[in-house]
């Protein structure tokens, strides 16, 4: 699975988020930043992102995914 396609899939499921994807050795890191994560616990945030990828994971198209989901203010604070 190429990075651009994966970014597009996540972006279409989380339209109000900035999304970036990186890949190293078949392991993907999906970073999603958006207001939709405001007030949600980390597990719920990951579930929202995971839902956009569930079909790809269940089909075996991708298997190793690390999800970083945060609000814009959390993203700015981590820089």
Protein backbone atom coordinates (compact mmCIF):
# COMPACT_ATOMS: atom_id res chain seq x y z
CA UNK A 1 0.00 0.00 0.00
CA UNK A 2 1.49 3.33 -0.96
CA UNK A 3 1.51 6.26 1.45
CA UNK A 4 -0.53 8.63 -0.72
CA UNK A 5 -3.37 6.12 -1.02
CA UNK A 6 -3.38 5.47 2.71
CA UNK A 7 -3.39 9.21 3.47
CA UNK A 8 -6.31 9.67 1.07
CA UNK A 9 -8.32 6.90 2.73
CA UNK A 10 -7.83 8.30 6.23
CA UNK A 11 -8.46 11.86 5.05
CA UNK A 12 -11.76 10.84 3.43
CA UNK A 13 -12.88 9.23 6.70
CA UNK A 14 -11.71 12.14 8.85
CA UNK A 15 -12.35 15.05 6.52
CA UNK A 16 -11.65 17.77 9.09
CA UNK A 17 -8.20 16.40 10.00
CA UNK A 18 -4.72 17.04 8.73
CA UNK A 19 -3.34 13.59 7.97
CA UNK A 20 0.16 12.35 7.32
CA UNK A 21 1.44 8.82 6.91
CA UNK A 22 4.96 7.47 7.08
CA UNK A 23 6.15 3.93 6.41
CA UNK A 24 9.20 2.00 7.41
CA UNK A 25 9.60 -1.67 6.59
CA UNK A 26 5.88 -2.29 6.16
CA UNK A 27 4.99 -0.53 9.41
CA UNK A 28 2.84 2.58 9.00
CA UNK A 29 2.50 5.57 11.29
CA UNK A 30 -0.67 7.56 10.77
CA UNK A 31 -0.75 11.02 12.32
CA UNK A 32 -4.14 12.76 12.38
CA UNK A 33 -4.59 16.24 13.81
CA UNK A 34 -8.04 17.73 14.15
CA UNK A 35 -10.64 19.32 16.37
CA UNK A 36 -12.72 16.13 16.17
CA UNK A 37 -10.43 14.64 18.83
CA UNK A 38 -11.20 17.38 21.38
CA UNK A 39 -12.42 15.93 24.66
CA UNK A 40 -11.89 12.30 23.61
CA UNK A 41 -9.72 9.81 25.44
CA UNK A 42 -6.74 8.39 23.53
CA UNK A 43 -8.44 5.03 22.91
CA UNK A 44 -11.52 6.69 21.37
CA UNK A 45 -9.27 8.84 19.17
CA UNK A 46 -7.45 5.75 17.92
CA UNK A 47 -10.76 3.99 17.28
CA UNK A 48 -11.88 6.84 15.02
CA UNK A 49 -8.72 6.56 12.94
CA UNK A 50 -8.75 2.76 13.03
CA UNK A 51 -12.31 2.75 11.66
CA UNK A 52 -11.03 4.33 8.44
CA UNK A 53 -8.45 1.53 8.11
CA UNK A 54 -10.45 -1.47 9.33
CA UNK A 55 -11.13 -2.91 5.88
CA UNK A 56 -7.46 -2.66 4.86
CA UNK A 57 -6.33 -4.29 8.09
CA UNK A 58 -8.88 -7.10 7.92
CA UNK A 59 -8.00 -7.83 4.29
CA UNK A 60 -4.28 -7.96 5.12
CA UNK A 61 -3.42 -5.04 2.83
CA UNK A 62 -1.74 -3.43 5.84
CA UNK A 63 -0.90 -5.09 9.10
CA UNK A 64 1.20 -2.86 11.34
CA UNK A 65 -0.19 0.58 12.14
CA UNK A 66 0.81 3.09 14.79
CA UNK A 67 -1.79 5.83 15.28
CA UNK A 68 -1.07 9.30 16.60
CA UNK A 69 -4.31 11.27 16.97
CA UNK A 70 -4.27 14.71 18.53
CA UNK A 71 -5.92 18.11 18.60
CA UNK A 72 -4.24 21.10 16.95
CA UNK A 73 -3.29 22.54 20.35
CA UNK A 74 -1.68 19.24 21.41
CA UNK A 75 0.22 19.14 18.15
CA UNK A 76 1.54 22.67 18.62
CA UNK A 77 2.58 21.90 22.20
CA UNK A 78 4.57 18.84 21.10
CA UNK A 79 6.75 20.84 18.72
